[in-house]
């Protein structure tokens, strides 16, 4: 019997156990009236947030690692390629073919604006 109590006590020290209990109790609210269900979900969400706030994160002891360090260790490049230039002509033709004159007007305005940028 003390083995079972010890196991339960150990589980109650884990964040996942409390979140699971709260989720199960919250899910049980489906059989209640809509007003009670809404209140139970709100309370369950609040309790889950409280548990997450008050319990330690098991990964909190990990040393912070920068993206650059991970990229260097894995050989992955961190540079980002510039997006290709917009094809205003194709977009304008599509808008005109579909009789979307408001879109065509918007594209023309964007074309004019991009032409004036240095």
PDB file of N, CA and C in Angstrom:
ATOM      1  N   UNK A   1       0.823  -1.199   0.000  1.00  0.00           N
ATOM      2  CA  UNK A   1       0.000   0.000   0.000  1.00  0.00           C
ATOM      3  C   UNK A   1       0.862   1.255   0.000  1.00  0.00           C
ATOM      4  N   UNK A   2       1.948   1.232   0.763  1.00  0.00           N
ATOM      5  CA  UNK A   2       2.811   2.420   0.821  1.00  0.00           C
ATOM      6  C   UNK A   2       3.522   2.638  -0.512  1.00  0.00           C
ATOM      7  N   UNK A   3       3.711   1.563  -1.304  1.00  0.00           N
ATOM      8  CA  UNK A   3       4.306   1.717  -2.630  1.00  0.00           C
ATOM      9  C   UNK A   3       3.389   2.512  -3.540  1.00  0.00           C
ATOM     10  N   UNK A   4       2.096   2.214  -3.442  1.00  0.00           N
ATOM     11  CA  UNK A   4       1.116   2.918  -4.265  1.00  0.00           C
ATOM     12  C   UNK A   4       1.029   4.379  -3.845  1.00  0.00           C
ATOM     13  N   UNK A   5       0.993   4.630  -2.550  1.00  0.00           N
ATOM     14  CA  UNK A   5       0.934   6.004  -2.047  1.00  0.00           C
ATOM     15  C   UNK A   5       2.200   6.767  -2.458  1.00  0.00           C
ATOM     16  N   UNK A   6       3.345   6.106  -2.391  1.00  0.00           N
ATOM     17  CA  UNK A   6       4.592   6.739  -2.809  1.00  0.00           C
ATOM     18  C   UNK A   6       4.587   7.071  -4.288  1.00  0.00           C
ATOM     19  N   UNK A   7       4.036   6.139  -5.101  1.00  0.00           N
ATOM     20  CA  UNK A   7       3.967   6.375  -6.540  1.00  0.00           C
ATOM     21  C   UNK A   7       3.044   7.557  -6.835  1.00  0.00           C
ATOM     22  N   UNK A   8       1.886   7.592  -6.159  1.00  0.00           N
ATOM     23  CA  UNK A   8       0.938   8.697  -6.360  1.00  0.00           C
ATOM     24  C   UNK A   8       1.559  10.017  -5.916  1.00  0.00           C
ATOM     25  N   UNK A   9       2.252  10.007  -4.790  1.00  0.00           N
ATOM     26  CA  UNK A   9       2.905  11.232  -4.296  1.00  0.00           C
ATOM     27  C   UNK A   9       3.958  11.712  -5.288  1.00  0.00           C
ATOM     28  N   UNK A  10       4.698  10.774  -5.879  1.00  0.00           N
ATOM     29  CA  UNK A  10       5.713  11.148  -6.873  1.00  0.00           C
ATOM     30  C   UNK A  10       5.057  11.749  -8.112  1.00  0.00           C
ATOM     31  N   UNK A  11       3.927  11.168  -8.542  1.00  0.00           N
ATOM     32  CA  UNK A  11       3.229  11.696  -9.722  1.00  0.00           C
ATOM     33  C   UNK A  11       2.666  13.083  -9.453  1.00  0.00           C
ATOM     34  N   UNK A  12       2.194  13.323  -8.234  1.00  0.00           N
ATOM     35  CA  UNK A  12       1.619  14.628  -7.908  1.00  0.00           C
ATOM     36  C   UNK A  12       2.663  15.735  -7.836  1.00  0.00           C
ATOM     37  N   UNK A  13       3.928  15.368  -7.856  1.00  0.00           N
ATOM     38  CA  UNK A  13       4.994  16.373  -7.889  1.00  0.00           C
ATOM     39  C   UNK A  13       5.340  16.778  -9.318  1.00  0.00           C
ATOM     40  N   UNK A  14       4.753  16.074 -10.283  1.00  0.00           N
ATOM     41  CA  UNK A  14       5.055  16.351 -11.688  1.00  0.00           C
ATOM     42  C   UNK A  14       4.019  17.291 -12.295  1.00  0.00           C
ATOM     43  N   UNK A  15       4.509  18.199 -13.090  1.00  0.00           N
ATOM     44  CA  UNK A  15       3.651  19.176 -13.761  1.00  0.00           C
ATOM     45  C   UNK A  15       2.645  18.475 -14.662  1.00  0.00           C
ATOM     46  N   UNK A  16       3.083  17.463 -15.387  1.00  0.00           N
ATOM     47  CA  UNK A  16       2.194  16.795 -16.340  1.00  0.00           C
ATOM     48  C   UNK A  16       1.021  16.124 -15.644  1.00  0.00           C
ATOM     49  N   UNK A  17       1.230  15.641 -14.425  1.00  0.00           N
ATOM     50  CA  UNK A  17       0.127  15.013 -13.691  1.00  0.00           C
ATOM     51  C   UNK A  17      -0.952  16.032 -13.363  1.00  0.00           C
ATOM     52  N   UNK A  18      -0.547  17.190 -12.876  1.00  0.00           N
ATOM     53  CA  UNK A  18      -1.521  18.227 -12.534  1.00  0.00           C
ATOM     54  C   UNK A  18      -2.243  18.725 -13.771  1.00  0.00           C
ATOM     55  N   UNK A  19      -1.506  18.909 -14.869  1.00  0.00           N
ATOM     56  CA  UNK A  19      -2.155  19.357 -16.102  1.00  0.00           C
ATOM     57  C   UNK A  19      -3.119  18.295 -16.615  1.00  0.00           C
ATOM     58  N   UNK A  20      -2.750  17.027 -16.472  1.00  0.00           N
ATOM     59  CA  UNK A  20      -3.642  15.942 -16.875  1.00  0.00           C
ATOM     60  C   UNK A  20      -4.903  15.908 -16.033  1.00  0.00           C
ATOM     61  N   UNK A  21      -4.761  16.062 -14.726  1.00  0.00           N
ATOM     62  CA  UNK A  21      -5.928  16.075 -13.832  1.00  0.00           C
ATOM     63  C   UNK A  21      -6.853  17.229 -14.185  1.00  0.00           C
ATOM     64  N   UNK A  22      -6.279  18.399 -14.382  1.00  0.00           N
ATOM     65  CA  UNK A  22      -7.084  19.577 -14.725  1.00  0.00           C
ATOM     66  C   UNK A  22      -7.782  19.368 -16.061  1.00  0.00           C
ATOM     67  N   UNK A  23      -7.090  18.781 -17.026  1.00  0.00           N
ATOM     68  CA  UNK A  23      -7.690  18.525 -18.335  1.00  0.00           C
ATOM     69  C   UNK A  23      -8.838  17.535 -18.230  1.00  0.00           C
ATOM     70  N   UNK A  24      -8.651  16.475 -17.444  1.00  0.00           N
ATOM     71  CA  UNK A  24      -9.720  15.486 -17.278  1.00  0.00           C
ATOM     72  C   UNK A  24     -10.946  16.093 -16.597  1.00  0.00           C
ATOM     73  N   UNK A  25     -10.716  16.895 -15.568  1.00  0.00           N
ATOM     74  CA  UNK A  25     -11.839  17.528 -14.871  1.00  0.00           C
ATOM     75  C   UNK A  25     -12.538  18.517 -15.796  1.00  0.00           C
ATOM     76  N   UNK A  26     -11.751  19.259 -16.569  1.00  0.00           N
ATOM     77  CA  UNK A  26     -12.327  20.212 -17.513  1.00  0.00           C
ATOM     78  C   UNK A  26     -13.144  19.485 -18.578  1.00  0.00           C
ATOM     79  N   UNK A  27     -12.617  18.376 -19.107  1.00  0.00           N
ATOM     80  CA  UNK A  27     -13.327  17.613 -20.132  1.00  0.00           C
ATOM     81  C   UNK A  27     -14.620  17.023 -19.590  1.00  0.00           C
ATOM     82  N   UNK A  28     -14.663  16.735 -18.312  1.00  0.00           N
ATOM     83  CA  UNK A  28     -15.876  16.177 -17.715  1.00  0.00           C
ATOM     84  C   UNK A  28     -17.021  17.176 -17.760  1.00  0.00           C
ATOM     85  N   UNK A  29     -16.720  18.433 -17.941  1.00  0.00           N
ATOM     86  CA  UNK A  29     -17.738  19.467 -17.991  1.00  0.00           C
ATOM     87  C   UNK A  29     -18.608  19.400 -19.230  1.00  0.00           C
ATOM     88  N   UNK A  30     -18.276  18.557 -20.183  1.00  0.00           N
ATOM     89  CA  UNK A  30     -19.057  18.453 -21.410  1.00  0.00           C
ATOM     90  C   UNK A  30     -20.483  17.998 -21.115  1.00  0.00           C
ATOM     91  N   UNK A  31     -20.708  17.237 -20.043  1.00  0.00           N
ATOM     92  CA  UNK A  31     -22.029  16.725 -19.708  1.00  0.00           C
ATOM     93  C   UNK A  31     -22.864  17.738 -18.931  1.00  0.00           C
ATOM     94  N   UNK A  32     -22.319  18.897 -18.651  1.00  0.00           N
ATOM     95  CA  UNK A  32     -23.041  19.922 -17.897  1.00  0.00           C
ATOM     96  C   UNK A  32     -23.744  20.868 -18.858  1.00  0.00           C
ATOM     97  N   UNK A  33     -24.476  21.797 -18.307  1.00  0.00           N
ATOM     98  CA  UNK A  33     -25.136  22.799 -19.135  1.00  0.00           C
ATOM     99  C   UNK A  33     -24.071  23.662 -19.819  1.00  0.00           C
ATOM    100  N   UNK A  34     -24.431  24.315 -20.918  1.00  0.00           N
ATOM    101  CA  UNK A  34     -23.441  25.132 -21.635  1.00  0.00           C
ATOM    102  C   UNK A  34     -22.801  26.209 -20.758  1.00  0.00           C
ATOM    103  N   UNK A  35     -23.576  26.812 -19.866  1.00  0.00           N
ATOM    104  CA  UNK A  35     -23.024  27.856 -19.000  1.00  0.00           C
ATOM    105  C   UNK A  35     -21.993  27.265 -18.040  1.00  0.00           C
ATOM    106  N   UNK A  36     -22.347  26.123 -17.457  1.00  0.00           N
ATOM    107  CA  UNK A  36     -21.417  25.467 -16.528  1.00  0.00           C
ATOM    108  C   UNK A  36     -20.176  24.973 -17.258  1.00  0.00           C
ATOM    109  N   UNK A  37     -20.366  24.472 -18.476  1.00  0.00           N
ATOM    110  CA  UNK A  37     -19.230  23.985 -19.267  1.00  0.00           C
ATOM    111  C   UNK A  37     -18.263  25.126 -19.533  1.00  0.00           C
ATOM    112  N   UNK A  38     -18.793  26.277 -19.930  1.00  0.00           N
ATOM    113  CA  UNK A  38     -17.949  27.434 -20.214  1.00  0.00           C
ATOM    114  C   UNK A  38     -17.180  27.868 -18.970  1.00  0.00           C
ATOM    115  N   UNK A  39     -17.860  27.873 -17.826  1.00  0.00           N
ATOM    116  CA  UNK A  39     -17.197  28.256 -16.580  1.00  0.00           C
ATOM    117  C   UNK A  39     -16.121  27.246 -16.198  1.00  0.00           C
ATOM    118  N   UNK A  40     -16.418  25.960 -16.381  1.00  0.00           N
ATOM    119  CA  UNK A  40     -15.451  24.919 -16.032  1.00  0.00           C
ATOM    120  C   UNK A  40     -14.222  24.999 -16.934  1.00  0.00           C
ATOM    121  N   UNK A  41     -14.423  25.267 -18.211  1.00  0.00           N
ATOM    122  CA  UNK A  41     -13.288  25.406 -19.133  1.00  0.00           C
ATOM    123  C   UNK A  41     -12.443  26.608 -18.754  1.00  0.00           C
ATOM    124  N   UNK A  42     -13.102  27.702 -18.393  1.00  0.00           N
ATOM    125  CA  UNK A  42     -12.363  28.895 -17.975  1.00  0.00           C
ATOM    126  C   UNK A  42     -11.558  28.623 -16.714  1.00  0.00           C
ATOM    127  N   UNK A  43     -12.183  27.976 -15.740  1.00  0.00           N
ATOM    128  CA  UNK A  43     -11.482  27.659 -14.492  1.00  0.00           C
ATOM    129  C   UNK A  43     -10.343  26.676 -14.761  1.00  0.00           C
ATOM    130  N   UNK A  44     -10.613  25.660 -15.596  1.00  0.00           N
ATOM    131  CA  UNK A  44      -9.567  24.675 -15.926  1.00  0.00           C
ATOM    132  C   UNK A  44      -8.385  25.321 -16.618  1.00  0.00           C
ATOM    133  N   UNK A  45      -8.667  26.229 -17.541  1.00  0.00           N
ATOM    134  CA  UNK A  45      -7.571  26.948 -18.216  1.00  0.00           C
ATOM    135  C   UNK A  45      -6.776  27.792 -17.242  1.00  0.00           C
ATOM    136  N   UNK A  46      -7.487  28.440 -16.318  1.00  0.00           N
ATOM    137  CA  UNK A  46      -6.799  29.249 -15.306  1.00  0.00           C
ATOM    138  C   UNK A  46      -5.941  28.402 -14.386  1.00  0.00           C
ATOM    139  N   UNK A  47      -6.472  27.254 -13.966  1.00  0.00           N
ATOM    140  CA  UNK A  47      -5.683  26.355 -13.106  1.00  0.00           C
ATOM    141  C   UNK A  47      -4.464  25.800 -13.841  1.00  0.00           C
ATOM    142  N   UNK A  48      -4.648  25.463 -15.111  1.00  0.00           N
ATOM    143  CA  UNK A  48      -3.505  24.975 -15.891  1.00  0.00           C
ATOM    144  C   UNK A  48      -2.428  26.052 -15.994  1.00  0.00           C
ATOM    145  N   UNK A  49      -2.846  27.285 -16.223  1.00  0.00           N
ATOM    146  CA  UNK A  49      -1.880  28.387 -16.269  1.00  0.00           C
ATOM    147  C   UNK A  49      -1.184  28.578 -14.934  1.00  0.00           C
ATOM    148  N   UNK A  50      -1.931  28.416 -13.846  1.00  0.00           N
ATOM    149  CA  UNK A  50      -1.351  28.535 -12.511  1.00  0.00           C
ATOM    150  C   UNK A  50      -0.313  27.436 -12.271  1.00  0.00           C
ATOM    151  N   UNK A  51      -0.653  26.206 -12.656  1.00  0.00           N
ATOM    152  CA  UNK A  51       0.294  25.099 -12.498  1.00  0.00           C
ATOM    153  C   UNK A  51       1.552  25.359 -13.326  1.00  0.00           C
ATOM    154  N   UNK A  52       1.385  25.817 -14.556  1.00  0.00           N
ATOM    155  CA  UNK A  52       2.543  26.101 -15.408  1.00  0.00           C
ATOM    156  C   UNK A  52       3.405  27.216 -14.832  1.00  0.00           C
ATOM    157  N   UNK A  53       2.767  28.185 -14.205  1.00  0.00           N
ATOM    158  CA  UNK A  53       3.500  29.301 -13.633  1.00  0.00           C
ATOM    159  C   UNK A  53       4.260  28.913 -12.367  1.00  0.00           C
ATOM    160  N   UNK A  54       3.641  28.096 -11.534  1.00  0.00           N
ATOM    161  CA  UNK A  54       4.216  27.800 -10.218  1.00  0.00           C
ATOM    162  C   UNK A  54       5.146  26.591 -10.190  1.00  0.00           C
ATOM    163  N   UNK A  55       5.145  25.779 -11.225  1.00  0.00           N
ATOM    164  CA  UNK A  55       6.019  24.600 -11.212  1.00  0.00           C
ATOM    165  C   UNK A  55       7.249  24.850 -12.060  1.00  0.00           C
ATOM    166  N   UNK A  56       8.326  24.200 -11.675  1.00  0.00           N
ATOM    167  CA  UNK A  56       9.594  24.391 -12.378  1.00  0.00           C
ATOM    168  C   UNK A  56       9.558  23.689 -13.728  1.00  0.00           C
ATOM    169  N   UNK A  57      10.192  24.292 -14.687  1.00  0.00           N
ATOM    170  CA  UNK A  57      10.315  23.683 -16.002  1.00  0.00           C
ATOM    171  C   UNK A  57      11.510  22.734 -15.966  1.00  0.00           C
ATOM    172  N   UNK A  58      11.326  21.461 -16.299  1.00  0.00           N
ATOM    173  CA  UNK A  58      12.440  20.521 -16.207  1.00  0.00           C
ATOM    174  C   UNK A  58      13.607  20.877 -17.121  1.00  0.00           C
ATOM    175  N   UNK A  59      13.363  21.639 -18.148  1.00  0.00           N
ATOM    176  CA  UNK A  59      14.443  22.025 -19.058  1.00  0.00           C
ATOM    177  C   UNK A  59      15.060  23.369 -18.692  1.00  0.00           C
ATOM    178  N   UNK A  60      14.683  23.941 -17.564  1.00  0.00           N
ATOM    179  CA  UNK A  60      15.174  25.267 -17.189  1.00  0.00           C
ATOM    180  C   UNK A  60      16.663  25.249 -16.863  1.00  0.00           C
ATOM    181  N   UNK A  61      17.223  24.095 -16.567  1.00  0.00           N
ATOM    182  CA  UNK A  61      18.635  24.018 -16.219  1.00  0.00           C
ATOM    183  C   UNK A  61      19.549  23.960 -17.430  1.00  0.00           C
ATOM    184  N   UNK A  62      18.992  23.909 -18.615  1.00  0.00           N
ATOM    185  CA  UNK A  62      19.808  23.876 -19.820  1.00  0.00           C
ATOM    186  C   UNK A  62      20.457  25.236 -20.049  1.00  0.00           C
ATOM    187  N   UNK A  63      21.683  25.213 -20.508  1.00  0.00           N
ATOM    188  CA  UNK A  63      22.376  26.462 -20.795  1.00  0.00           C
ATOM    189  C   UNK A  63      21.750  27.101 -22.029  1.00  0.00           C
ATOM    190  N   UNK A  64      21.610  28.423 -22.021  1.00  0.00           N
ATOM    191  CA  UNK A  64      21.049  29.070 -23.201  1.00  0.00           C
ATOM    192  C   UNK A  64      21.976  28.890 -24.395  1.00  0.00           C
ATOM    193  N   UNK A  65      21.403  28.627 -25.527  1.00  0.00           N
ATOM    194  CA  UNK A  65      22.183  28.397 -26.738  1.00  0.00           C
ATOM    195  C   UNK A  65      21.690  29.345 -27.813  1.00  0.00           C
ATOM    196  N   UNK A  66      22.609  29.987 -28.481  1.00  0.00           N
ATOM    197  CA  UNK A  66      22.218  30.914 -29.529  1.00  0.00           C
ATOM    198  C   UNK A  66      21.974  30.166 -30.836  1.00  0.00           C
ATOM    199  N   UNK A  67      21.236  30.791 -31.695  1.00  0.00           N
ATOM    200  CA  UNK A  67      20.965  30.206 -33.005  1.00  0.00           C
ATOM    201  C   UNK A  67      22.268  30.041 -33.773  1.00  0.00           C
ATOM    202  N   UNK A  68      23.169  31.008 -33.618  1.00  0.00           N
ATOM    203  CA  UNK A  68      24.448  30.930 -34.315  1.00  0.00           C
ATOM    204  C   UNK A  68      25.258  29.722 -33.842  1.00  0.00           C
ATOM    205  N   UNK A  69      25.243  29.435 -32.528  1.00  0.00           N
ATOM    206  CA  UNK A  69      25.979  28.288 -32.010  1.00  0.00           C
ATOM    207  C   UNK A  69      25.400  26.979 -32.524  1.00  0.00           C
ATOM    208  N   UNK A  70      24.085  26.888 -32.562  1.00  0.00           N
ATOM    209  CA  UNK A  70      23.448  25.681 -33.086  1.00  0.00           C
ATOM    210  C   UNK A  70      23.755  25.523 -34.566  1.00  0.00           C
ATOM    211  N   UNK A  71      23.686  26.621 -35.309  1.00  0.00           N
ATOM    212  CA  UNK A  71      23.977  26.564 -36.739  1.00  0.00           C
ATOM    213  C   UNK A  71      25.416  26.134 -36.987  1.00  0.00           C
ATOM    214  N   UNK A  72      26.338  26.661 -36.178  1.00  0.00           N
ATOM    215  CA  UNK A  72      27.741  26.298 -36.341  1.00  0.00           C
ATOM    216  C   UNK A  72      27.961  24.823 -36.020  1.00  0.00           C
ATOM    217  N   UNK A  73      27.295  24.326 -34.999  1.00  0.00           N
ATOM    218  CA  UNK A  73      27.461  22.924 -34.607  1.00  0.00           C
ATOM    219  C   UNK A  73      26.860  21.973 -35.623  1.00  0.00           C
ATOM    220  N   UNK A  74      25.790  22.382 -36.277  1.00  0.00           N
ATOM    221  CA  UNK A  74      25.118  21.496 -37.226  1.00  0.00           C
ATOM    222  C   UNK A  74      25.504  21.753 -38.669  1.00  0.00           C
ATOM    223  N   UNK A  75      26.225  22.841 -38.914  1.00  0.00           N
ATOM    224  CA  UNK A  75      26.642  23.157 -40.277  1.00  0.00           C
ATOM    225  C   UNK A  75      25.542  23.787 -41.119  1.00  0.00           C
ATOM    226  N   UNK A  76      24.509  24.296 -40.468  1.00  0.00           N
ATOM    227  CA  UNK A  76      23.396  24.912 -41.185  1.00  0.00           C
ATOM    228  C   UNK A  76      23.671  26.401 -41.347  1.00  0.00           C
ATOM    229  N   UNK A  77      23.354  26.928 -42.494  1.00  0.00           N
ATOM    230  CA  UNK A  77      23.551  28.358 -42.744  1.00  0.00           C
ATOM    231  C   UNK A  77      22.424  29.165 -42.112  1.00  0.00           C
ATOM    232  N   UNK A  78      22.776  30.311 -41.533  1.00  0.00           N
ATOM    233  CA  UNK A  78      21.761  31.177 -40.933  1.00  0.00           C
ATOM    234  C   UNK A  78      21.409  32.358 -41.844  1.00  0.00           C
ATOM    235  N   UNK A  79      22.022  32.417 -43.015  1.00  0.00           N
ATOM    236  CA  UNK A  79      21.714  33.531 -43.906  1.00  0.00           C
ATOM    237  C   UNK A  79      20.354  33.309 -44.558  1.00  0.00           C
ATOM    238  N   UNK A  80      19.667  34.403 -44.779  1.00  0.00           N
ATOM    239  CA  UNK A  80      18.338  34.347 -45.377  1.00  0.00           C
ATOM    240  C   UNK A  80      18.408  35.002 -46.742  1.00  0.00           C
ATOM    241  N   UNK A  81      17.927  34.282 -47.744  1.00  0.00           N
ATOM    242  CA  UNK A  81      17.943  34.823 -49.101  1.00  0.00           C
ATOM    243  C   UNK A  81      16.859  35.879 -49.248  1.00  0.00           C
ATOM    244  N   UNK A  82      17.156  36.883 -50.040  1.00  0.00           N
ATOM    245  CA  UNK A  82      16.171  37.928 -50.307  1.00  0.00           C
ATOM    246  C   UNK A  82      15.051  37.346 -51.158  1.00  0.00           C
ATOM    247  N   UNK A  83      13.832  37.786 -50.914  1.00  0.00           N
ATOM    248  CA  UNK A  83      12.723  37.269 -51.728  1.00  0.00           C
ATOM    249  C   UNK A  83      12.872  37.739 -53.173  1.00  0.00           C
ATOM    250  N   UNK A  84      12.364  36.964 -54.107  1.00  0.00           N
ATOM    251  CA  UNK A  84      12.467  37.395 -55.509  1.00  0.00           C
ATOM    252  C   UNK A  84      11.633  38.643 -55.736  1.00  0.00           C
ATOM    253  N   UNK A  85      12.010  39.448 -56.722  1.00  0.00           N
ATOM    254  CA  UNK A  85      11.225  40.658 -56.978  1.00  0.00           C
ATOM    255  C   UNK A  85       9.816  40.296 -57.449  1.00  0.00           C
ATOM    256  N   UNK A  86       8.875  41.165 -57.126  1.00  0.00           N
ATOM    257  CA  UNK A  86       7.484  40.918 -57.517  1.00  0.00           C
ATOM    258  C   UNK A  86       7.320  41.062 -59.023  1.00  0.00           C
ATOM    259  N   UNK A  87       6.494  40.212 -59.572  1.00  0.00           N
ATOM    260  CA  UNK A  87       6.170  40.292 -60.994  1.00  0.00           C
ATOM    261  C   UNK A  87       4.852  41.055 -61.130  1.00  0.00           C
ATOM    262  N   UNK A  88       4.985  42.384 -61.121  1.00  0.00           N
ATOM    263  CA  UNK A  88       3.797  43.234 -61.167  1.00  0.00           C
ATOM    264  C   UNK A  88       2.990  43.006 -62.443  1.00  0.00           C
ATOM    265  N   UNK A  89       3.702  42.774 -63.546  1.00  0.00           N
ATOM    266  CA  UNK A  89       3.015  42.622 -64.827  1.00  0.00           C
ATOM    267  C   UNK A  89       2.097  41.391 -64.804  1.00  0.00           C
ATOM    268  N   UNK A  90       2.599  40.277 -64.282  1.00  0.00           N
ATOM    269  CA  UNK A  90       1.794  39.053 -64.219  1.00  0.00           C
ATOM    270  C   UNK A  90       0.610  39.234 -63.268  1.00  0.00           C
ATOM    271  N   UNK A  91       0.848  39.891 -62.129  1.00  0.00           N
ATOM    272  CA  UNK A  91      -0.237  40.137 -61.179  1.00  0.00           C
ATOM    273  C   UNK A  91      -1.307  41.044 -61.789  1.00  0.00           C
ATOM    274  N   UNK A  92      -0.867  42.067 -62.515  1.00  0.00           N
ATOM    275  CA  UNK A  92      -1.799  42.994 -63.148  1.00  0.00           C
ATOM    276  C   UNK A  92      -2.606  42.282 -64.224  1.00  0.00           C
ATOM    277  N   UNK A  93      -1.940  41.460 -65.047  1.00  0.00           N
ATOM    278  CA  UNK A  93      -2.656  40.717 -66.088  1.00  0.00           C
ATOM    279  C   UNK A  93      -3.700  39.788 -65.482  1.00  0.00           C
ATOM    280  N   UNK A  94      -3.360  39.102 -64.407  1.00  0.00           N
ATOM    281  CA  UNK A  94      -4.300  38.196 -63.755  1.00  0.00           C
ATOM    282  C   UNK A  94      -5.501  38.971 -63.204  1.00  0.00           C
ATOM    283  N   UNK A  95      -5.239  40.109 -62.588  1.00  0.00           N
ATOM    284  CA  UNK A  95      -6.335  40.917 -62.043  1.00  0.00           C
ATOM    285  C   UNK A  95      -7.254  41.407 -63.156  1.00  0.00           C
ATOM    286  N   UNK A  96      -6.688  41.796 -64.300  1.00  0.00           N
ATOM    287  CA  UNK A  96      -7.511  42.273 -65.405  1.00  0.00           C
ATOM    288  C   UNK A  96      -8.286  41.128 -66.059  1.00  0.00           C
ATOM    289  N   UNK A  97      -7.659  39.947 -66.155  1.00  0.00           N
ATOM    290  CA  UNK A  97      -8.338  38.793 -66.751  1.00  0.00           C
ATOM    291  C   UNK A  97      -9.543  38.366 -65.925  1.00  0.00           C
ATOM    292  N   UNK A  98      -9.443  38.542 -64.610  1.00  0.00           N
ATOM    293  CA  UNK A  98     -10.537  38.134 -63.725  1.00  0.00           C
ATOM    294  C   UNK A  98     -11.492  39.291 -63.415  1.00  0.00           C
ATOM    295  N   UNK A  99     -11.325  40.384 -64.144  1.00  0.00           N
ATOM    296  CA  UNK A  99     -12.162  41.583 -63.967  1.00  0.00           C
ATOM    297  C   UNK A  99     -12.121  42.125 -62.538  1.00  0.00           C
ATOM    298  N   UNK A 100     -10.991  41.964 -61.877  1.00  0.00           N
ATOM    299  CA  UNK A 100     -10.818  42.489 -60.518  1.00  0.00           C
ATOM    300  C   UNK A 100     -10.118  43.850 -60.637  1.00  0.00           C
ATOM    301  N   UNK A 101     -10.920  44.849 -60.964  1.00  0.00           N
ATOM    302  CA  UNK A 101     -10.365  46.171 -61.243  1.00  0.00           C
ATOM    303  C   UNK A 101      -9.838  46.869 -59.995  1.00  0.00           C
ATOM    304  N   UNK A 102     -10.413  46.550 -58.840  1.00  0.00           N
ATOM    305  CA  UNK A 102      -9.892  47.137 -57.604  1.00  0.00           C
ATOM    306  C   UNK A 102      -8.496  46.598 -57.329  1.00  0.00           C
ATOM    307  N   UNK A 103      -8.295  45.288 -57.546  1.00  0.00           N
ATOM    308  CA  UNK A 103      -6.969  44.694 -57.363  1.00  0.00           C
ATOM    309  C   UNK A 103      -5.990  45.281 -58.374  1.00  0.00           C
ATOM    310  N   UNK A 104      -6.441  45.436 -59.611  1.00  0.00           N
ATOM    311  CA  UNK A 104      -5.582  46.014 -60.644  1.00  0.00           C
ATOM    312  C   UNK A 104      -5.169  47.431 -60.262  1.00  0.00           C
ATOM    313  N   UNK A 105      -6.102  48.208 -59.743  1.00  0.00           N
ATOM    314  CA  UNK A 105      -5.792  49.572 -59.314  1.00  0.00           C
ATOM    315  C   UNK A 105      -4.774  49.556 -58.181  1.00  0.00           C
ATOM    316  N   UNK A 106      -4.946  48.618 -57.255  1.00  0.00           N
ATOM    317  CA  UNK A 106      -4.012  48.491 -56.141  1.00  0.00           C
ATOM    318  C   UNK A 106      -2.614  48.125 -56.635  1.00  0.00           C
ATOM    319  N   UNK A 107      -2.545  47.223 -57.604  1.00  0.00           N
ATOM    320  CA  UNK A 107      -1.247  46.818 -58.154  1.00  0.00           C
ATOM    321  C   UNK A 107      -0.584  47.989 -58.862  1.00  0.00           C
ATOM    322  N   UNK A 108      -1.361  48.747 -59.618  1.00  0.00           N
ATOM    323  CA  UNK A 108      -0.799  49.922 -60.297  1.00  0.00           C
ATOM    324  C   UNK A 108      -0.246  50.921 -59.294  1.00  0.00           C
ATOM    325  N   UNK A 109      -0.960  51.121 -58.184  1.00  0.00           N
ATOM    326  CA  UNK A 109      -0.475  52.042 -57.153  1.00  0.00           C
ATOM    327  C   UNK A 109       0.826  51.531 -56.537  1.00  0.00           C
ATOM    328  N   UNK A 110       0.909  50.211 -56.303  1.00  0.00           N
ATOM    329  CA  UNK A 110       2.130  49.636 -55.744  1.00  0.00           C
ATOM    330  C   UNK A 110       3.282  49.736 -56.742  1.00  0.00           C
ATOM    331  N   UNK A 111       2.973  49.562 -58.024  1.00  0.00           N
ATOM    332  CA  UNK A 111       4.013  49.701 -59.052  1.00  0.00           C
ATOM    333  C   UNK A 111       4.566  51.120 -59.060  1.00  0.00           C
ATOM    334  N   UNK A 112       3.689  52.082 -58.983  1.00  0.00           N
ATOM    335  CA  UNK A 112       4.111  53.487 -58.979  1.00  0.00           C
ATOM    336  C   UNK A 112       4.927  53.800 -57.739  1.00  0.00           C
ATOM    337  N   UNK A 113       4.506  53.258 -56.612  1.00  0.00           N
ATOM    338  CA  UNK A 113       5.218  53.506 -55.355  1.00  0.00           C
ATOM    339  C   UNK A 113       6.598  52.862 -55.394  1.00  0.00           C
ATOM    340  N   UNK A 114       6.716  51.639 -55.916  1.00  0.00           N
ATOM    341  CA  UNK A 114       8.016  50.977 -55.955  1.00  0.00           C
ATOM    342  C   UNK A 114       8.953  51.628 -56.956  1.00  0.00           C
ATOM    343  N   UNK A 115       8.378  52.278 -57.991  1.00  0.00           N
ATOM    344  CA  UNK A 115       9.213  52.951 -58.985  1.00  0.00           C
ATOM    345  C   UNK A 115       9.837  54.207 -58.397  1.00  0.00           C
ATOM    346  N   UNK A 116       9.196  54.820 -57.385  1.00  0.00           N
ATOM    347  CA  UNK A 116       9.733  56.057 -56.805  1.00  0.00           C
ATOM    348  C   UNK A 116      10.711  55.783 -55.675  1.00  0.00           C
ATOM    349  N   UNK A 117      10.807  54.525 -55.216  1.00  0.00           N
ATOM    350  CA  UNK A 117      11.749  54.203 -54.131  1.00  0.00           C
ATOM    351  C   UNK A 117      13.161  54.200 -54.696  1.00  0.00           C
ATOM    352  N   UNK A 118      14.122  54.686 -53.890  1.00  0.00           N
ATOM    353  CA  UNK A 118      15.509  54.725 -54.363  1.00  0.00           C
ATOM    354  C   UNK A 118      16.131  53.349 -54.443  1.00  0.00           C
TER     355      UNK A 118
END
